[in-house]
Amino acid sequence: MASTLETYLNHIVSVITSDGRNFVGTLKGFDQTINVVLEETHERVYNPNQGVEQVPLGLQLLRGDNIVLIGEIDEDLDGRLEFAALRGEQLPSLVH
């Protein structure tokens, strides 16, 4: 997985954590245990009754043992989304 993450360096990624949170930011670094450093990070908080709230967080270090998924964001598509109009449930926590 680490070699795959190298292709994401300096690109905007979405990181889903085991507690169901969604962080979006620029991948600036990672290590062999998949701890990741994100820059210009915000958390997308989903709500079934309101639009998606984007909470600015700045520089973040996310522990690898808490990460479920890392994926590259299509910046063009992401830029066209109207987050205030999107509705959705929070992801449940994962138990393993």
PDB file of N, CA and C in Angstrom:
ATOM      1  N   MET A   1       0.816  -1.201   0.000  1.00  0.00           N
ATOM      2  CA  MET A   1       0.000   0.000   0.000  1.00  0.00           C
ATOM      3  C   MET A   1       0.856   1.260   0.000  1.00  0.00           C
ATOM      4  N   ALA A   2       1.992   1.205   0.669  1.00  0.00           N
ATOM      5  CA  ALA A   2       2.839   2.397   0.754  1.00  0.00           C
ATOM      6  C   ALA A   2       3.298   2.860  -0.620  1.00  0.00           C
ATOM      7  N   SER A   3       3.628   1.922  -1.504  1.00  0.00           N
ATOM      8  CA  SER A   3       4.070   2.325  -2.839  1.00  0.00           C
ATOM      9  C   SER A   3       2.928   2.988  -3.610  1.00  0.00           C
ATOM     10  N   THR A   4       1.697   2.558  -3.386  1.00  0.00           N
ATOM     11  CA  THR A   4       0.536   3.181  -4.019  1.00  0.00           C
ATOM     12  C   THR A   4       0.339   4.595  -3.495  1.00  0.00           C
ATOM     13  N   LEU A   5       0.571   4.808  -2.213  1.00  0.00           N
ATOM     14  CA  LEU A   5       0.399   6.136  -1.634  1.00  0.00           C
ATOM     15  C   LEU A   5       1.378   7.148  -2.220  1.00  0.00           C
ATOM     16  N   GLU A   6       2.535   6.707  -2.666  1.00  0.00           N
ATOM     17  CA  GLU A   6       3.508   7.627  -3.258  1.00  0.00           C
ATOM     18  C   GLU A   6       2.905   8.370  -4.446  1.00  0.00           C
ATOM     19  N   THR A   7       2.031   7.722  -5.207  1.00  0.00           N
ATOM     20  CA  THR A   7       1.413   8.385  -6.359  1.00  0.00           C
ATOM     21  C   THR A   7       0.421   9.458  -5.918  1.00  0.00           C
ATOM     22  N   TYR A   8      -0.037   9.415  -4.670  1.00  0.00           N
ATOM     23  CA  TYR A   8      -0.983  10.401  -4.150  1.00  0.00           C
ATOM     24  C   TYR A   8      -0.304  11.610  -3.499  1.00  0.00           C
ATOM     25  N   LEU A   9       1.026  11.559  -3.316  1.00  0.00           N
ATOM     26  CA  LEU A   9       1.718  12.675  -2.661  1.00  0.00           C
ATOM     27  C   LEU A   9       1.438  13.980  -3.392  1.00  0.00           C
ATOM     28  N   ASN A  10       1.132  15.023  -2.622  1.00  0.00           N
ATOM     29  CA  ASN A  10       0.815  16.366  -3.114  1.00  0.00           C
ATOM     30  C   ASN A  10      -0.474  16.410  -3.931  1.00  0.00           C
ATOM     31  N   HIS A  11      -1.325  15.404  -3.777  1.00  0.00           N
ATOM     32  CA  HIS A  11      -2.649  15.388  -4.382  1.00  0.00           C
ATOM     33  C   HIS A  11      -3.696  15.432  -3.265  1.00  0.00           C
ATOM     34  N   ILE A  12      -4.889  15.867  -3.602  1.00  0.00           N
ATOM     35  CA  ILE A  12      -5.972  15.907  -2.626  1.00  0.00           C
ATOM     36  C   ILE A  12      -6.557  14.508  -2.488  1.00  0.00           C
ATOM     37  N   VAL A  13      -6.654  14.042  -1.234  1.00  0.00           N
ATOM     38  CA  VAL A  13      -7.176  12.712  -0.946  1.00  0.00           C
ATOM     39  C   VAL A  13      -8.302  12.804   0.081  1.00  0.00           C
ATOM     40  N   SER A  14      -9.110  11.757   0.092  1.00  0.00           N
ATOM     41  CA  SER A  14     -10.131  11.577   1.113  1.00  0.00           C
ATOM     42  C   SER A  14      -9.694  10.415   1.983  1.00  0.00           C
ATOM     43  N   VAL A  15      -9.751  10.597   3.298  1.00  0.00           N
ATOM     44  CA  VAL A  15      -9.369   9.548   4.239  1.00  0.00           C
ATOM     45  C   VAL A  15     -10.580   9.243   5.122  1.00  0.00           C
ATOM     46  N   ILE A  16     -11.009   7.979   5.108  1.00  0.00           N
ATOM     47  CA  ILE A  16     -12.093   7.528   5.976  1.00  0.00           C
ATOM     48  C   ILE A  16     -11.456   6.806   7.151  1.00  0.00           C
ATOM     49  N   THR A  17     -11.858   7.174   8.363  1.00  0.00           N
ATOM     50  CA  THR A  17     -11.300   6.555   9.560  1.00  0.00           C
ATOM     51  C   THR A  17     -12.268   5.522  10.129  1.00  0.00           C
ATOM     52  N   SER A  18     -11.762   4.701  11.036  1.00  0.00           N
ATOM     53  CA  SER A  18     -12.573   3.616  11.594  1.00  0.00           C
ATOM     54  C   SER A  18     -13.759   4.113  12.410  1.00  0.00           C
ATOM     55  N   ASP A  19     -13.731   5.369  12.836  1.00  0.00           N
ATOM     56  CA  ASP A  19     -14.889   5.913  13.553  1.00  0.00           C
ATOM     57  C   ASP A  19     -15.869   6.605  12.608  1.00  0.00           C
ATOM     58  N   GLY A  20     -15.664   6.456  11.293  1.00  0.00           N
ATOM     59  CA  GLY A  20     -16.604   6.948  10.301  1.00  0.00           C
ATOM     60  C   GLY A  20     -16.400   8.384   9.851  1.00  0.00           C
ATOM     61  N   ARG A  21     -15.304   9.000  10.250  1.00  0.00           N
ATOM     62  CA  ARG A  21     -15.050  10.391   9.857  1.00  0.00           C
ATOM     63  C   ARG A  21     -14.409  10.444   8.477  1.00  0.00           C
ATOM     64  N   ASN A  22     -14.654  11.563   7.757  1.00  0.00           N
ATOM     65  CA  ASN A  22     -14.133  11.753   6.400  1.00  0.00           C
ATOM     66  C   ASN A  22     -13.281  13.025   6.392  1.00  0.00           C
ATOM     67  N   PHE A  23     -11.969  12.841   6.219  1.00  0.00           N
ATOM     68  CA  PHE A  23     -11.040  13.957   6.151  1.00  0.00           C
ATOM     69  C   PHE A  23     -10.591  14.134   4.714  1.00  0.00           C
ATOM     70  N   VAL A  24     -10.537  15.373   4.238  1.00  0.00           N
ATOM     71  CA  VAL A  24     -10.080  15.679   2.892  1.00  0.00           C
ATOM     72  C   VAL A  24      -8.958  16.699   3.004  1.00  0.00           C
ATOM     73  N   GLY A  25      -7.830  16.401   2.362  1.00  0.00           N
ATOM     74  CA  GLY A  25      -6.696  17.319   2.395  1.00  0.00           C
ATOM     75  C   GLY A  25      -5.616  16.865   1.428  1.00  0.00           C
ATOM     76  N   THR A  26      -4.556  17.633   1.363  1.00  0.00           N
ATOM     77  CA  THR A  26      -3.429  17.319   0.485  1.00  0.00           C
ATOM     78  C   THR A  26      -2.468  16.393   1.215  1.00  0.00           C
ATOM     79  N   LEU A  27      -2.217  15.222   0.632  1.00  0.00           N
ATOM     80  CA  LEU A  27      -1.307  14.256   1.244  1.00  0.00           C
ATOM     81  C   LEU A  27       0.126  14.773   1.147  1.00  0.00           C
ATOM     82  N   LYS A  28       0.734  15.028   2.296  1.00  0.00           N
ATOM     83  CA  LYS A  28       2.098  15.557   2.322  1.00  0.00           C
ATOM     84  C   LYS A  28       3.132  14.519   2.742  1.00  0.00           C
ATOM     85  N   GLY A  29       2.691  13.444   3.383  1.00  0.00           N
ATOM     86  CA  GLY A  29       3.648  12.420   3.792  1.00  0.00           C
ATOM     87  C   GLY A  29       2.954  11.246   4.448  1.00  0.00           C
ATOM     88  N   PHE A  30       3.718  10.145   4.567  1.00  0.00           N
ATOM     89  CA  PHE A  30       3.229   8.934   5.222  1.00  0.00           C
ATOM     90  C   PHE A  30       4.435   8.099   5.624  1.00  0.00           C
ATOM     91  N   ASP A  31       4.203   7.103   6.468  1.00  0.00           N
ATOM     92  CA  ASP A  31       5.290   6.206   6.851  1.00  0.00           C
ATOM     93  C   ASP A  31       4.875   4.758   6.623  1.00  0.00           C
ATOM     94  N   GLN A  32       5.729   3.814   7.070  1.00  0.00           N
ATOM     95  CA  GLN A  32       5.490   2.398   6.807  1.00  0.00           C
ATOM     96  C   GLN A  32       4.256   1.850   7.512  1.00  0.00           C
ATOM     97  N   THR A  33       3.760   2.518   8.537  1.00  0.00           N
ATOM     98  CA  THR A  33       2.538   2.058   9.219  1.00  0.00           C
ATOM     99  C   THR A  33       1.313   2.845   8.750  1.00  0.00           C
ATOM    100  N   ILE A  34       1.459   3.563   7.657  1.00  0.00           N
ATOM    101  CA  ILE A  34       0.398   4.335   6.997  1.00  0.00           C
ATOM    102  C   ILE A  34      -0.137   5.457   7.887  1.00  0.00           C
ATOM    103  N   ASN A  35       0.689   5.965   8.812  1.00  0.00           N
ATOM    104  CA  ASN A  35       0.361   7.245   9.435  1.00  0.00           C
ATOM    105  C   ASN A  35       0.474   8.270   8.316  1.00  0.00           C
ATOM    106  N   VAL A  36      -0.491   9.175   8.194  1.00  0.00           N
ATOM    107  CA  VAL A  36      -0.458  10.139   7.093  1.00  0.00           C
ATOM    108  C   VAL A  36      -0.507  11.567   7.615  1.00  0.00           C
ATOM    109  N   VAL A  37       0.121  12.456   6.862  1.00  0.00           N
ATOM    110  CA  VAL A  37       0.090  13.888   7.145  1.00  0.00           C
ATOM    111  C   VAL A  37      -0.712  14.546   6.022  1.00  0.00           C
ATOM    112  N   LEU A  38      -1.764  15.264   6.407  1.00  0.00           N
ATOM    113  CA  LEU A  38      -2.592  16.001   5.460  1.00  0.00           C
ATOM    114  C   LEU A  38      -2.467  17.488   5.732  1.00  0.00           C
ATOM    115  N   GLU A  39      -2.371  18.265   4.658  1.00  0.00           N
ATOM    116  CA  GLU A  39      -2.279  19.719   4.740  1.00  0.00           C
ATOM    117  C   GLU A  39      -3.579  20.314   4.207  1.00  0.00           C
ATOM    118  N   GLU A  40      -3.945  21.489   4.703  1.00  0.00           N
ATOM    119  CA  GLU A  40      -5.179  22.168   4.287  1.00  0.00           C
ATOM    120  C   GLU A  40      -6.374  21.225   4.404  1.00  0.00           C
ATOM    121  N   THR A  41      -6.445  20.553   5.536  1.00  0.00           N
ATOM    122  CA  THR A  41      -7.442  19.519   5.768  1.00  0.00           C
ATOM    123  C   THR A  41      -8.768  20.128   6.219  1.00  0.00           C
ATOM    124  N   HIS A  42      -9.845  19.493   5.791  1.00  0.00           N
ATOM    125  CA  HIS A  42     -11.160  19.777   6.359  1.00  0.00           C
ATOM    126  C   HIS A  42     -11.894  18.460   6.541  1.00  0.00           C
ATOM    127  N   GLU A  43     -12.786  18.436   7.509  1.00  0.00           N
ATOM    128  CA  GLU A  43     -13.612  17.263   7.744  1.00  0.00           C
ATOM    129  C   GLU A  43     -14.973  17.512   7.133  1.00  0.00           C
ATOM    130  N   ARG A  44     -15.473  16.539   6.396  1.00  0.00           N
ATOM    131  CA  ARG A  44     -16.817  16.629   5.823  1.00  0.00           C
ATOM    132  C   ARG A  44     -17.767  15.892   6.763  1.00  0.00           C
ATOM    133  N   VAL A  45     -18.693  16.653   7.324  1.00  0.00           N
ATOM    134  CA  VAL A  45     -19.655  16.101   8.273  1.00  0.00           C
ATOM    135  C   VAL A  45     -21.002  15.991   7.570  1.00  0.00           C
ATOM    136  N   TYR A  46     -21.468  14.762   7.409  1.00  0.00           N
ATOM    137  CA  TYR A  46     -22.715  14.497   6.698  1.00  0.00           C
ATOM    138  C   TYR A  46     -23.888  14.503   7.664  1.00  0.00           C
ATOM    139  N   ASN A  47     -25.034  14.980   7.162  1.00  0.00           N
ATOM    140  CA  ASN A  47     -26.234  15.095   7.977  1.00  0.00           C
ATOM    141  C   ASN A  47     -27.437  14.824   7.070  1.00  0.00           C
ATOM    142  N   PRO A  48     -28.406  14.021   7.508  1.00  0.00           N
ATOM    143  CA  PRO A  48     -29.562  13.736   6.652  1.00  0.00           C
ATOM    144  C   PRO A  48     -30.523  14.915   6.510  1.00  0.00           C
ATOM    145  N   ASN A  49     -30.416  15.920   7.370  1.00  0.00           N
ATOM    146  CA  ASN A  49     -31.354  17.042   7.368  1.00  0.00           C
ATOM    147  C   ASN A  49     -30.768  18.346   6.849  1.00  0.00           C
ATOM    148  N   GLN A  50     -29.449  18.438   6.773  1.00  0.00           N
ATOM    149  CA  GLN A  50     -28.773  19.652   6.323  1.00  0.00           C
ATOM    150  C   GLN A  50     -27.734  19.269   5.275  1.00  0.00           C
ATOM    151  N   GLY A  51     -27.123  20.268   4.695  1.00  0.00           N
ATOM    152  CA  GLY A  51     -26.052  20.000   3.748  1.00  0.00           C
ATOM    153  C   GLY A  51     -24.808  19.501   4.458  1.00  0.00           C
ATOM    154  N   VAL A  52     -23.824  19.118   3.676  1.00  0.00           N
ATOM    155  CA  VAL A  52     -22.552  18.643   4.221  1.00  0.00           C
ATOM    156  C   VAL A  52     -21.786  19.845   4.773  1.00  0.00           C
ATOM    157  N   GLU A  53     -21.411  19.747   6.040  1.00  0.00           N
ATOM    158  CA  GLU A  53     -20.614  20.802   6.669  1.00  0.00           C
ATOM    159  C   GLU A  53     -19.141  20.469   6.459  1.00  0.00           C
ATOM    160  N   GLN A  54     -18.353  21.468   6.066  1.00  0.00           N
ATOM    161  CA  GLN A  54     -16.922  21.278   5.886  1.00  0.00           C
ATOM    162  C   GLN A  54     -16.202  22.079   6.966  1.00  0.00           C
ATOM    163  N   VAL A  55     -15.622  21.364   7.916  1.00  0.00           N
ATOM    164  CA  VAL A  55     -14.967  21.974   9.066  1.00  0.00           C
ATOM    165  C   VAL A  55     -13.473  22.084   8.785  1.00  0.00           C
ATOM    166  N   PRO A  56     -12.925  23.313   8.664  1.00  0.00           N
ATOM    167  CA  PRO A  56     -11.492  23.461   8.404  1.00  0.00           C
ATOM    168  C   PRO A  56     -10.657  23.031   9.614  1.00  0.00           C
ATOM    169  N   LEU A  57      -9.595  22.245   9.348  1.00  0.00           N
ATOM    170  CA  LEU A  57      -8.758  21.723  10.421  1.00  0.00           C
ATOM    171  C   LEU A  57      -7.279  22.059  10.251  1.00  0.00           C
ATOM    172  N   GLY A  58      -6.859  22.435   9.047  1.00  0.00           N
ATOM    173  CA  GLY A  58      -5.451  22.753   8.812  1.00  0.00           C
ATOM    174  C   GLY A  58      -4.606  21.502   8.675  1.00  0.00           C
ATOM    175  N   LEU A  59      -3.407  21.511   9.262  1.00  0.00           N
ATOM    176  CA  LEU A  59      -2.466  20.394   9.181  1.00  0.00           C
ATOM    177  C   LEU A  59      -2.906  19.294  10.143  1.00  0.00           C
ATOM    178  N   GLN A  60      -2.982  18.042   9.651  1.00  0.00           N
ATOM    179  CA  GLN A  60      -3.436  16.922  10.477  1.00  0.00           C
ATOM    180  C   GLN A  60      -2.513  15.728  10.313  1.00  0.00           C
ATOM    181  N   LEU A  61      -2.308  14.999  11.412  1.00  0.00           N
ATOM    182  CA  LEU A  61      -1.617  13.722  11.400  1.00  0.00           C
ATOM    183  C   LEU A  61      -2.645  12.670  11.775  1.00  0.00           C
ATOM    184  N   LEU A  62      -2.888  11.714  10.874  1.00  0.00           N
ATOM    185  CA  LEU A  62      -3.850  10.649  11.133  1.00  0.00           C
ATOM    186  C   LEU A  62      -3.101   9.339  11.324  1.00  0.00           C
ATOM    187  N   ARG A  63      -3.417   8.643  12.410  1.00  0.00           N
ATOM    188  CA  ARG A  63      -2.740   7.376  12.723  1.00  0.00           C
ATOM    189  C   ARG A  63      -3.175   6.281  11.768  1.00  0.00           C
ATOM    190  N   GLY A  64      -2.209   5.524  11.302  1.00  0.00           N
ATOM    191  CA  GLY A  64      -2.477   4.462  10.347  1.00  0.00           C
ATOM    192  C   GLY A  64      -3.412   3.390  10.862  1.00  0.00           C
ATOM    193  N   ASP A  65      -3.359   3.087  12.168  1.00  0.00           N
ATOM    194  CA  ASP A  65      -4.235   2.036  12.690  1.00  0.00           C
ATOM    195  C   ASP A  65      -5.689   2.487  12.791  1.00  0.00           C
ATOM    196  N   ASN A  66      -5.950   3.757  12.508  1.00  0.00           N
ATOM    197  CA  ASN A  66      -7.307   4.291  12.536  1.00  0.00           C
ATOM    198  C   ASN A  66      -7.856   4.528  11.126  1.00  0.00           C
ATOM    199  N   ILE A  67      -7.031   4.297  10.092  1.00  0.00           N
ATOM    200  CA  ILE A  67      -7.433   4.581   8.706  1.00  0.00           C
ATOM    201  C   ILE A  67      -8.022   3.332   8.068  1.00  0.00           C
ATOM    202  N   VAL A  68      -9.188   3.514   7.444  1.00  0.00           N
ATOM    203  CA  VAL A  68      -9.859   2.425   6.741  1.00  0.00           C
ATOM    204  C   VAL A  68      -9.622   2.526   5.247  1.00  0.00           C
ATOM    205  N   LEU A  69      -9.663   3.756   4.707  1.00  0.00           N
ATOM    206  CA  LEU A  69      -9.599   3.936   3.261  1.00  0.00           C
ATOM    207  C   LEU A  69      -8.933   5.263   2.926  1.00  0.00           C
ATOM    208  N   ILE A  70      -8.109   5.260   1.881  1.00  0.00           N
ATOM    209  CA  ILE A  70      -7.516   6.493   1.343  1.00  0.00           C
ATOM    210  C   ILE A  70      -7.764   6.479  -0.155  1.00  0.00           C
ATOM    211  N   GLY A  71      -8.336   7.552  -0.670  1.00  0.00           N
ATOM    212  CA  GLY A  71      -8.594   7.624  -2.096  1.00  0.00           C
ATOM    213  C   GLY A  71      -8.343   9.020  -2.626  1.00  0.00           C
ATOM    214  N   GLU A  72      -7.885   9.091  -3.873  1.00  0.00           N
ATOM    215  CA  GLU A  72      -7.629  10.383  -4.499  1.00  0.00           C
ATOM    216  C   GLU A  72      -8.942  11.039  -4.900  1.00  0.00           C
ATOM    217  N   ILE A  73      -9.033  12.343  -4.714  1.00  0.00           N
ATOM    218  CA  ILE A  73     -10.217  13.128  -5.066  1.00  0.00           C
ATOM    219  C   ILE A  73     -10.060  13.660  -6.490  1.00  0.00           C
ATOM    220  N   ASP A  74     -11.097  13.548  -7.285  1.00  0.00           N
ATOM    221  CA  ASP A  74     -11.144  14.169  -8.606  1.00  0.00           C
ATOM    222  C   ASP A  74     -11.483  15.641  -8.365  1.00  0.00           C
ATOM    223  N   GLU A  75     -10.493  16.505  -8.477  1.00  0.00           N
ATOM    224  CA  GLU A  75     -10.667  17.915  -8.118  1.00  0.00           C
ATOM    225  C   GLU A  75     -11.708  18.618  -8.977  1.00  0.00           C
ATOM    226  N   ASP A  76     -11.799  18.283 -10.255  1.00  0.00           N
ATOM    227  CA  ASP A  76     -12.799  18.906 -11.122  1.00  0.00           C
ATOM    228  C   ASP A  76     -14.209  18.547 -10.674  1.00  0.00           C
ATOM    229  N   LEU A  77     -14.454  17.274 -10.456  1.00  0.00           N
ATOM    230  CA  LEU A  77     -15.773  16.823 -10.011  1.00  0.00           C
ATOM    231  C   LEU A  77     -16.093  17.366  -8.627  1.00  0.00           C
ATOM    232  N   ASP A  78     -15.124  17.307  -7.728  1.00  0.00           N
ATOM    233  CA  ASP A  78     -15.322  17.788  -6.359  1.00  0.00           C
ATOM    234  C   ASP A  78     -15.645  19.279  -6.351  1.00  0.00           C
ATOM    235  N   GLY A  79     -15.032  20.044  -7.231  1.00  0.00           N
ATOM    236  CA  GLY A  79     -15.271  21.477  -7.310  1.00  0.00           C
ATOM    237  C   GLY A  79     -16.660  21.828  -7.815  1.00  0.00           C
ATOM    238  N   ARG A  80     -17.283  20.918  -8.549  1.00  0.00           N
ATOM    239  CA  ARG A  80     -18.624  21.165  -9.074  1.00  0.00           C
ATOM    240  C   ARG A  80     -19.738  20.751  -8.115  1.00  0.00           C
ATOM    241  N   LEU A  81     -19.401  20.014  -7.062  1.00  0.00           N
ATOM    242  CA  LEU A  81     -20.420  19.563  -6.118  1.00  0.00           C
ATOM    243  C   LEU A  81     -20.920  20.715  -5.263  1.00  0.00           C
ATOM    244  N   GLU A  82     -22.216  20.741  -5.028  1.00  0.00           N
ATOM    245  CA  GLU A  82     -22.815  21.735  -4.145  1.00  0.00           C
ATOM    246  C   GLU A  82     -23.074  21.053  -2.799  1.00  0.00           C
ATOM    247  N   PHE A  83     -22.099  21.157  -1.893  1.00  0.00           N
ATOM    248  CA  PHE A  83     -22.155  20.438  -0.632  1.00  0.00           C
ATOM    249  C   PHE A  83     -23.324  20.867   0.248  1.00  0.00           C
ATOM    250  N   ALA A  84     -23.765  22.112   0.122  1.00  0.00           N
ATOM    251  CA  ALA A  84     -24.895  22.579   0.924  1.00  0.00           C
ATOM    252  C   ALA A  84     -26.183  21.849   0.552  1.00  0.00           C
ATOM    253  N   ALA A  85     -26.245  21.289  -0.650  1.00  0.00           N
ATOM    254  CA  ALA A  85     -27.449  20.591  -1.101  1.00  0.00           C
ATOM    255  C   ALA A  85     -27.372  19.081  -0.875  1.00  0.00           C
ATOM    256  N   LEU A  86     -26.196  18.547  -0.560  1.00  0.00           N
ATOM    257  CA  LEU A  86     -26.050  17.108  -0.353  1.00  0.00           C
ATOM    258  C   LEU A  86     -26.544  16.706   1.028  1.00  0.00           C
ATOM    259  N   ARG A  87     -27.226  15.568   1.084  1.00  0.00           N
ATOM    260  CA  ARG A  87     -27.704  15.020   2.353  1.00  0.00           C
ATOM    261  C   ARG A  87     -27.148  13.602   2.491  1.00  0.00           C
ATOM    262  N   GLY A  88     -26.874  13.172   3.680  1.00  0.00           N
ATOM    263  CA  GLY A  88     -26.378  11.821   3.872  1.00  0.00           C
ATOM    264  C   GLY A  88     -26.192  11.504   5.341  1.00  0.00           C
ATOM    265  N   GLU A  89     -26.170  10.231   5.616  1.00  0.00           N
ATOM    266  CA  GLU A  89     -25.939   9.737   6.984  1.00  0.00           C
ATOM    267  C   GLU A  89     -24.441   9.658   7.232  1.00  0.00           C
ATOM    268  N   GLN A  90     -24.048   9.859   8.495  1.00  0.00           N
ATOM    269  CA  GLN A  90     -22.669   9.614   8.898  1.00  0.00           C
ATOM    270  C   GLN A  90     -22.382   8.130   8.750  1.00  0.00           C
ATOM    271  N   LEU A  91     -21.154   7.778   8.410  1.00  0.00           N
ATOM    272  CA  LEU A  91     -20.766   6.374   8.371  1.00  0.00           C
ATOM    273  C   LEU A  91     -20.692   5.833   9.802  1.00  0.00           C
ATOM    274  N   PRO A  92     -21.130   4.617  10.022  1.00  0.00           N
ATOM    275  CA  PRO A  92     -21.019   4.049  11.373  1.00  0.00           C
ATOM    276  C   PRO A  92     -19.571   3.705  11.683  1.00  0.00           C
ATOM    277  N   SER A  93     -19.262   3.592  12.963  1.00  0.00           N
ATOM    278  CA  SER A  93     -17.929   3.148  13.379  1.00  0.00           C
ATOM    279  C   SER A  93     -17.740   1.699  12.969  1.00  0.00           C
ATOM    280  N   LEU A  94     -16.498   1.357  12.640  1.00  0.00           N
ATOM    281  CA  LEU A  94     -16.168  -0.019  12.288  1.00  0.00           C
ATOM    282  C   LEU A  94     -15.634  -0.745  13.503  1.00  0.00           C
ATOM    283  N   VAL A  95     -16.075  -1.947  13.691  1.00  0.00           N
ATOM    284  CA  VAL A  95     -15.592  -2.777  14.802  1.00  0.00           C
ATOM    285  C   VAL A  95     -14.855  -3.957  14.201  1.00  0.00           C
ATOM    286  N   HIS A  96     -13.619  -4.148  14.629  1.00  0.00           N
ATOM    287  CA  HIS A  96     -12.853  -5.288  14.112  1.00  0.00           C
ATOM    288  C   HIS A  96     -12.112  -5.978  15.224  1.00  0.00           C
TER     289      HIS A  96
END
